[in-house]
Amino acid sequence: MDKRVLFVLGTISGRGGIESALKQWFQALEQNGYTPTVVLLDRPHYTDWLDGFEHKILDIKVGKNAIQKLLALRKYEVGLLRVIRTFNPDWVIATTPFTVFLCQHCRKRRLNFRLASWIHWPMDRFPRKKLLAYADMHFAIGRGIRDDLVRHFPDKPVTLMPNFVKEAPDARIGTDDGRYGMTFIGRLEQEKRVDVAIRSLLRAEHWHLRIIGDGSLGCRLRELASQLGVEDRVSFMGWQDDPWESWAGQALVLTSDYEAMPFTILEALSRGIPVLATDCDFGPRELIVPGANGWLVPVGSYDALSSVLIDIELGRKRLPPPEDIRASIKEYSASFVVPKLLEVLESSITQV
């Protein structure tokens, strides 16, 4: 039996966590007899991550006035309907309230598929979150998002289906020159608050920060490092397809204002790398056990981050053993998560 799963994505950059998670899901589904494909409403700025994926990009231009927006909505619906009719999926998994809404409109055209939401942001980041009610069920990538979904949609099934990571080789903890180092990996955008990591170097004078990634705030962050006089301890490495190949440092740092379930944290912990993160909604506090695989600091507090760095340097906080760090995320391994996903998909396909 040919089993098909269609993922429907809204606007993405092409270099975020959802892209990494989707690669893992594609591989797992293909290895278990499924045919996955993805349709994107808009063209990402970066498309190289789509290499090897079965995909379709609608790329509809949306105008500014109400009539133009209505026309774009109609074009989205027509384009998505064409993909769904051609692909004939058993499941459609949509990643935003708007894509859930579009999929439901298509389903009214006598199409028979199961519709699930799979959001990768906290619900309060979506202005039209009520549209998620059109989904038959919801996949939650973390406990915080699960609790939000249950609270808003108590009549719909919500299944905890976290992002997962495969086994990875241990990273070498430390740097070639013997300095203390931390590394940020991700997009240089406002919500990531990389400025907090840079400002933490003011007190943590023996630490070096490596920044792997790119984004709209790159120039501004370079200027900040120069203004603070720490530019000699901040290295901007640019985007890297595999940032773990050039890993150096004692810890990963993630100082976001908000997160859902950061894939970068999972990747670091799977390699035995401790994580320093802000205690934001929702993901970091679900993954980080203070002292066991990293430490949490208040959102926006570069002073608290500095204190943790100094404590590590002085030996007041000891870096956890890599084997303990890896063990802390067993429930996020492919061997644990993938069977849960397959069980949900199979049981519903037999009911369609």
Protein backbone atom coordinates (compact mmCIF):
# COMPACT_ATOMS: atom_id res chain seq x y z
CA MET A 1 0.00 0.00 0.00
CA ASP A 2 1.44 3.36 -1.07
CA LYS A 3 1.22 5.67 1.96
CA ARG A 4 1.64 9.38 1.29
CA VAL A 5 2.29 12.34 3.58
CA LEU A 6 2.22 15.95 2.39
CA PHE A 7 3.80 18.70 4.48
CA VAL A 8 2.50 22.24 3.87
CA LEU A 9 4.80 25.07 4.99
CA GLY A 10 4.26 28.80 5.22
CA THR A 11 6.99 31.43 5.07
CA ILE A 12 10.40 30.16 6.18
CA SER A 13 13.97 31.33 5.70
CA GLY A 14 15.46 28.05 4.50
CA ARG A 15 17.97 28.02 7.36
CA GLY A 16 15.93 27.36 10.48
CA GLY A 17 15.07 24.53 12.82
CA ILE A 18 11.95 23.43 10.97
CA GLU A 19 14.04 22.71 7.87
CA SER A 20 16.41 20.50 9.89
CA ALA A 21 13.50 18.71 11.57
CA LEU A 22 11.76 18.14 8.24
CA LYS A 23 14.87 16.47 6.81
CA GLN A 24 14.80 13.99 9.68
CA TRP A 25 11.09 13.29 9.20
CA PHE A 26 11.52 12.75 5.46
CA GLN A 27 14.28 10.21 5.99
CA ALA A 28 12.32 8.36 8.70
CA LEU A 29 9.15 8.20 6.60
CA GLU A 30 10.96 7.02 3.49
CA GLN A 31 12.73 4.30 5.48
CA ASN A 32 9.35 3.05 6.70
CA GLY A 33 7.50 2.79 3.40
CA TYR A 34 6.01 6.26 3.13
CA THR A 35 6.24 8.75 0.27
CA PRO A 36 6.62 12.27 1.69
CA THR A 37 6.59 15.53 -0.19
CA VAL A 38 6.47 19.19 0.80
CA VAL A 39 4.72 22.22 -0.65
CA LEU A 40 5.83 25.72 0.29
CA LEU A 41 3.50 28.68 -0.06
CA ASP A 42 6.40 31.09 -0.58
CA ARG A 43 9.91 30.75 -1.96
CA PRO A 44 12.47 30.63 0.88
CA HIS A 45 15.46 32.93 0.70
CA TYR A 46 17.63 29.79 0.74
CA THR A 47 16.49 26.72 -1.20
CA ASP A 48 19.55 24.43 -1.09
CA TRP A 49 18.04 22.49 1.84
CA LEU A 50 15.35 21.25 -0.56
CA ASP A 51 17.88 19.29 -2.65
CA GLY A 52 16.74 15.67 -2.71
CA PHE A 53 13.25 16.54 -1.46
CA GLU A 54 10.11 16.02 -3.49
CA HIS A 55 8.73 19.56 -3.31
CA LYS A 56 6.62 22.26 -4.92
CA ILE A 57 6.92 26.02 -4.35
CA LEU A 58 3.76 28.04 -5.06
CA ASP A 59 5.49 31.46 -4.72
CA ILE A 60 2.36 33.64 -4.92
CA LYS A 61 2.90 37.40 -4.84
CA VAL A 62 0.73 39.05 -2.18
CA GLY A 63 -0.30 42.68 -2.70
CA LYS A 64 -0.94 45.30 -0.02
CA ASN A 65 -4.62 46.16 -0.43
CA ALA A 66 -7.57 43.95 0.51
CA ILE A 67 -8.50 42.97 -3.05
CA GLN A 68 -4.94 41.93 -3.88
CA LYS A 69 -4.77 39.85 -0.70
CA LEU A 70 -8.05 38.11 -1.57
CA LEU A 71 -6.72 37.33 -5.04
CA ALA A 72 -3.53 35.91 -3.53
CA LEU A 73 -5.60 33.78 -1.15
CA ARG A 74 -7.50 32.35 -4.09
CA LYS A 75 -4.26 31.62 -5.95
CA TYR A 76 -2.83 29.87 -2.88
CA GLU A 77 -5.93 27.71 -2.67
CA VAL A 78 -5.89 26.83 -6.38
CA GLY A 79 -2.17 26.00 -6.33
CA LEU A 80 -2.41 23.89 -3.18
CA LEU A 81 -5.52 22.11 -4.46
CA ARG A 82 -3.66 21.15 -7.63
CA VAL A 83 -0.80 19.67 -5.59
CA ILE A 84 -3.13 17.74 -3.30
CA ARG A 85 -5.14 16.29 -6.18
CA THR A 86 -1.95 15.22 -7.96
CA PHE A 87 -0.22 13.77 -4.91
CA ASN A 88 -3.37 12.28 -3.31
CA PRO A 89 -2.02 12.16 0.26
CA ASP A 90 -3.32 10.06 3.15
CA TRP A 91 -2.09 12.73 5.55
CA VAL A 92 -1.56 16.48 5.22
CA ILE A 93 0.57 18.06 7.95
CA ALA A 94 0.42 21.86 8.07
CA THR A 95 2.84 24.03 10.04
CA THR A 96 0.87 27.26 10.58
CA PRO A 97 -2.74 28.26 11.29
CA PHE A 98 -3.01 29.75 7.79
CA THR A 99 -1.80 26.58 6.06
CA VAL A 100 -4.24 24.52 8.16
CA PHE A 101 -7.03 26.84 6.97
CA LEU A 102 -5.99 26.48 3.32
CA CYS A 103 -5.82 22.70 3.58
CA GLN A 104 -9.29 22.55 5.10
CA HIS A 105 -10.66 24.67 2.23
CA CYS A 106 -9.12 22.23 -0.24
CA ARG A 107 -10.60 19.27 1.61
CA LYS A 108 -14.09 20.64 1.02
CA ARG A 109 -13.59 19.75 -2.65
CA ARG A 110 -14.49 16.12 -1.90
CA LEU A 111 -10.93 15.22 -0.97
CA ASN A 112 -10.28 12.60 1.67
CA PHE A 113 -7.22 13.02 3.86
CA ARG A 114 -6.39 13.45 7.52
CA LEU A 115 -5.25 16.95 8.50
CA ALA A 116 -2.83 17.61 11.37
CA SER A 117 -1.15 20.77 12.60
CA TRP A 118 2.59 20.77 13.40
CA ILE A 119 3.46 24.26 14.65
CA HIS A 120 7.04 25.24 15.48
CA TRP A 121 6.40 28.45 17.39
CA PRO A 122 4.57 29.19 20.65
CA MET A 123 0.89 29.76 19.92
CA ASP A 124 0.94 33.41 21.01
CA ARG A 125 3.25 34.15 18.06
CA PHE A 126 0.40 33.40 15.63
CA PRO A 127 -2.17 36.21 15.16
CA ARG A 128 -4.75 33.78 13.71
CA LYS A 129 -4.20 30.79 15.99
CA LYS A 130 -7.94 29.99 16.05
CA LEU A 131 -7.57 28.63 12.51
CA LEU A 132 -5.79 25.61 14.01
CA ALA A 133 -9.26 24.39 14.99
CA TYR A 134 -9.73 23.15 11.41
CA ALA A 135 -7.15 20.39 11.98
CA ASP A 136 -8.34 16.89 12.88
CA MET A 137 -5.53 16.60 15.41
CA HIS A 138 -2.36 18.34 16.50
CA PHE A 139 1.25 17.19 16.71
CA ALA A 140 3.04 19.08 19.51
CA ILE A 141 6.83 19.33 19.34
CA GLY A 142 7.08 20.11 23.06
CA ARG A 143 5.16 19.89 26.32
CA GLY A 144 4.55 23.63 26.53
CA ILE A 145 3.01 23.73 23.07
CA ARG A 146 1.05 20.57 23.86
CA ASP A 147 -0.46 22.19 26.95
CA ASP A 148 -1.36 25.31 24.94
CA LEU A 149 -3.05 23.22 22.25
CA VAL A 150 -5.01 21.20 24.77
CA ARG A 151 -6.16 24.39 26.48
CA HIS A 152 -7.31 26.04 23.24
CA PHE A 153 -8.69 22.95 21.48
CA PRO A 154 -9.89 20.51 24.16
CA ASP A 155 -12.06 18.60 21.67
CA LYS A 156 -9.17 17.64 19.37
CA PRO A 157 -6.51 14.96 19.94
CA VAL A 158 -3.07 16.36 20.76
CA THR A 159 -0.08 14.04 20.47
CA LEU A 160 3.35 14.92 21.83
CA MET A 161 5.61 14.39 18.82
CA PRO A 162 8.94 16.11 19.49
CA ASN A 163 11.69 16.72 17.00
CA PHE A 164 14.25 13.96 17.21
CA VAL A 165 17.94 13.50 16.58
CA LYS A 166 19.99 10.56 15.44
CA GLU A 167 23.06 9.30 17.22
CA ALA A 168 26.04 11.55 16.62
CA PRO A 169 29.74 11.33 17.45
CA ASP A 170 30.96 13.15 20.55
CA ALA A 171 32.23 16.66 19.96
CA ARG A 172 35.61 17.69 21.29
CA ILE A 173 34.99 19.99 24.24
CA GLY A 174 37.45 22.88 24.33
CA THR A 175 39.44 25.05 21.93
CA ASP A 176 42.78 24.68 20.17
CA ASP A 177 44.28 27.70 21.96
CA GLY A 178 43.08 26.67 25.41
CA ARG A 179 40.68 29.59 25.80
CA TYR A 180 37.19 29.22 27.16
CA GLY A 181 34.70 29.34 24.32
CA MET A 182 30.98 29.21 23.64
CA THR A 183 29.29 28.95 20.25
CA PHE A 184 25.98 30.29 18.97
CA ILE A 185 24.40 28.52 15.99
CA GLY A 186 21.38 29.98 14.27
CA ARG A 187 19.77 32.93 12.53
CA LEU A 188 20.91 36.43 13.42
CA GLU A 189 17.44 37.83 14.03
CA GLN A 190 15.85 39.85 16.82
CA GLU A 191 14.17 36.99 18.68
CA LYS A 192 17.49 35.13 18.99
CA ARG A 193 18.97 37.97 21.11
CA VAL A 194 22.58 37.24 20.20
CA ASP A 195 23.37 40.63 21.75
CA VAL A 196 22.88 39.02 25.18
CA ALA A 197 25.69 36.55 24.47
CA ILE A 198 27.95 39.35 23.23
CA ARG A 199 27.25 41.55 26.27
CA SER A 200 28.02 38.64 28.62
CA LEU A 201 31.68 38.92 27.56
CA LEU A 202 32.02 42.25 29.40
CA ARG A 203 32.38 40.46 32.75
CA ALA A 204 33.43 37.04 31.46
CA GLU A 205 36.75 38.40 30.26
CA HIS A 206 38.41 35.07 29.48
CA TRP A 207 35.65 33.74 27.23
CA HIS A 208 35.44 33.80 23.45
CA LEU A 209 32.18 33.71 21.44
CA ARG A 210 31.86 32.08 18.01
CA ILE A 211 28.76 33.00 16.01
CA ILE A 212 27.78 30.56 13.26
CA GLY A 213 24.90 31.78 11.10
CA ASP A 214 23.66 34.79 9.20
CA GLY A 215 20.67 37.10 9.18
CA SER A 216 19.46 40.68 9.07
CA LEU A 217 21.26 41.72 12.29
CA GLY A 218 24.76 40.62 11.28
CA CYS A 219 26.14 44.14 10.76
CA ARG A 220 24.47 45.51 13.87
CA LEU A 221 25.92 42.73 16.03
CA ARG A 222 29.40 43.39 14.67
CA GLU A 223 28.98 47.06 15.55
CA LEU A 224 27.85 46.12 19.06
CA ALA A 225 30.91 43.95 19.64
CA SER A 226 33.11 46.85 18.53
CA GLN A 227 31.28 49.40 20.69
CA LEU A 228 31.67 47.18 23.76
CA GLY A 229 35.36 46.59 23.03
CA VAL A 230 35.02 42.81 22.80
CA GLU A 231 35.42 42.46 19.03
CA ASP A 232 38.68 40.52 19.50
CA ARG A 233 36.73 37.86 21.43
CA VAL A 234 33.82 37.51 19.00
CA SER A 235 34.26 35.55 15.77
CA PHE A 236 31.56 35.77 13.08
CA MET A 237 31.87 32.50 11.16
CA GLY A 238 28.98 32.96 8.70
CA TRP A 239 26.57 30.24 7.65
CA GLN A 240 27.89 26.66 7.65
CA ASP A 241 26.00 23.68 6.25
CA ASP A 242 27.42 21.49 9.02
CA PRO A 243 28.47 23.67 11.96
CA TRP A 244 29.39 20.65 14.05
CA GLU A 245 32.32 19.77 11.80
CA SER A 246 34.18 22.86 13.02
CA TRP A 247 32.93 22.76 16.60
CA ALA A 248 35.11 24.46 19.20
CA GLY A 249 34.26 25.51 22.73
CA GLN A 250 32.95 24.37 26.07
CA ALA A 251 29.24 25.01 25.43
CA LEU A 252 26.50 25.95 23.01
CA VAL A 253 24.79 29.22 23.87
CA LEU A 254 21.19 30.15 22.96
CA THR A 255 19.84 33.43 24.36
CA SER A 256 16.44 33.66 22.65
CA ASP A 257 13.43 35.63 23.87
CA TYR A 258 11.21 32.69 22.88
CA GLU A 259 11.55 29.23 21.36
CA ALA A 260 9.37 26.19 20.71
CA MET A 261 11.72 23.20 20.62
CA PRO A 262 15.17 24.34 19.43
CA PHE A 263 16.65 21.74 17.13
CA THR A 264 20.14 23.16 17.73
CA ILE A 265 19.92 22.32 21.43
CA LEU A 266 18.96 18.73 20.63
CA GLU A 267 21.85 18.43 18.19
CA ALA A 268 24.32 19.78 20.76
CA LEU A 269 23.12 17.51 23.57
CA SER A 270 23.24 14.48 21.25
CA ARG A 271 26.96 15.23 20.82
CA GLY A 272 27.64 15.56 24.53
CA ILE A 273 27.88 19.36 24.40
CA PRO A 274 26.44 21.27 27.39
CA VAL A 275 24.05 24.14 26.65
CA LEU A 276 23.69 27.60 28.18
CA ALA A 277 20.23 28.92 27.39
CA THR A 278 17.67 31.47 28.46
CA ASP A 279 14.69 30.12 30.38
CA CYS A 280 12.18 31.18 27.72
CA ASP A 281 8.91 29.65 26.59
CA PHE A 282 9.05 26.76 25.85
CA GLY A 283 11.77 24.45 24.59
CA PRO A 284 14.94 25.17 26.57
CA ARG A 285 13.35 24.53 29.97
CA GLU A 286 12.03 21.19 28.66
CA LEU A 287 15.48 20.08 27.53
CA ILE A 288 17.94 21.63 29.97
CA VAL A 289 18.40 20.10 33.42
CA PRO A 290 20.58 22.62 35.30
CA GLY A 291 23.90 21.08 36.19
CA ALA A 292 23.14 17.81 34.38
CA ASN A 293 23.38 18.97 30.76
CA GLY A 294 23.70 22.75 30.95
CA TRP A 295 22.32 25.80 32.69
CA LEU A 296 19.38 28.20 32.31
CA VAL A 297 19.48 31.96 32.88
CA PRO A 298 16.65 34.55 32.89
CA VAL A 299 15.57 35.90 29.50
CA GLY A 300 17.60 38.97 28.51
CA SER A 301 20.02 38.74 31.46
CA TYR A 302 23.55 38.95 30.13
CA ASP A 303 24.75 39.48 33.70
CA ALA A 304 23.35 36.10 34.78
CA LEU A 305 24.99 34.46 31.75
CA SER A 306 28.30 36.13 32.68
CA SER A 307 28.03 34.67 36.18
CA VAL A 308 27.57 31.14 34.83
CA LEU A 309 30.57 31.56 32.50
CA ILE A 310 32.75 32.82 35.36
CA ASP A 311 31.61 29.95 37.61
CA ILE A 312 32.61 27.45 34.91
CA GLU A 313 35.97 29.14 34.48
CA LEU A 314 36.66 29.11 38.25
CA GLY A 315 35.45 25.54 38.71
CA ARG A 316 32.41 26.44 40.79
CA LYS A 317 30.30 24.82 38.07
CA ARG A 318 31.64 21.68 36.45
CA LEU A 319 30.88 20.73 32.86
CA PRO A 320 28.78 17.54 32.88
CA PRO A 321 30.30 14.37 31.36
CA PRO A 322 29.33 13.91 27.68
CA GLU A 323 27.77 10.52 28.34
CA ASP A 324 25.43 12.04 30.94
CA ILE A 325 24.48 14.83 28.54
CA ARG A 326 23.58 12.35 25.78
CA ALA A 327 21.57 10.22 28.19
CA SER A 328 19.47 13.23 29.18
CA ILE A 329 17.65 13.27 25.81
CA LYS A 330 16.87 9.60 25.26
CA GLU A 331 13.19 10.43 24.71
CA TYR A 332 14.22 12.62 21.76
CA SER A 333 16.06 9.86 19.91
CA ALA A 334 14.82 8.54 16.58
CA SER A 335 14.32 5.07 18.07
CA PHE A 336 11.91 6.53 20.63
CA VAL A 337 9.97 9.09 18.55
CA VAL A 338 9.63 7.52 15.09
CA PRO A 339 7.61 4.47 16.24
CA LYS A 340 5.14 6.86 17.92
CA LEU A 341 4.68 8.80 14.70
CA LEU A 342 4.23 5.65 12.61
CA GLU A 343 1.66 4.30 15.07
CA VAL A 344 -0.44 7.48 14.75
CA LEU A 345 -0.17 7.58 10.96
CA GLU A 346 -0.94 3.89 10.50
CA SER A 347 -3.95 3.82 12.82
CA SER A 348 -5.53 6.79 11.09
CA ILE A 349 -4.81 5.56 7.56
CA THR A 350 -6.67 2.34 8.26
CA GLN A 351 -9.69 4.41 9.33
CA VAL A 352 -9.78 6.60 6.21
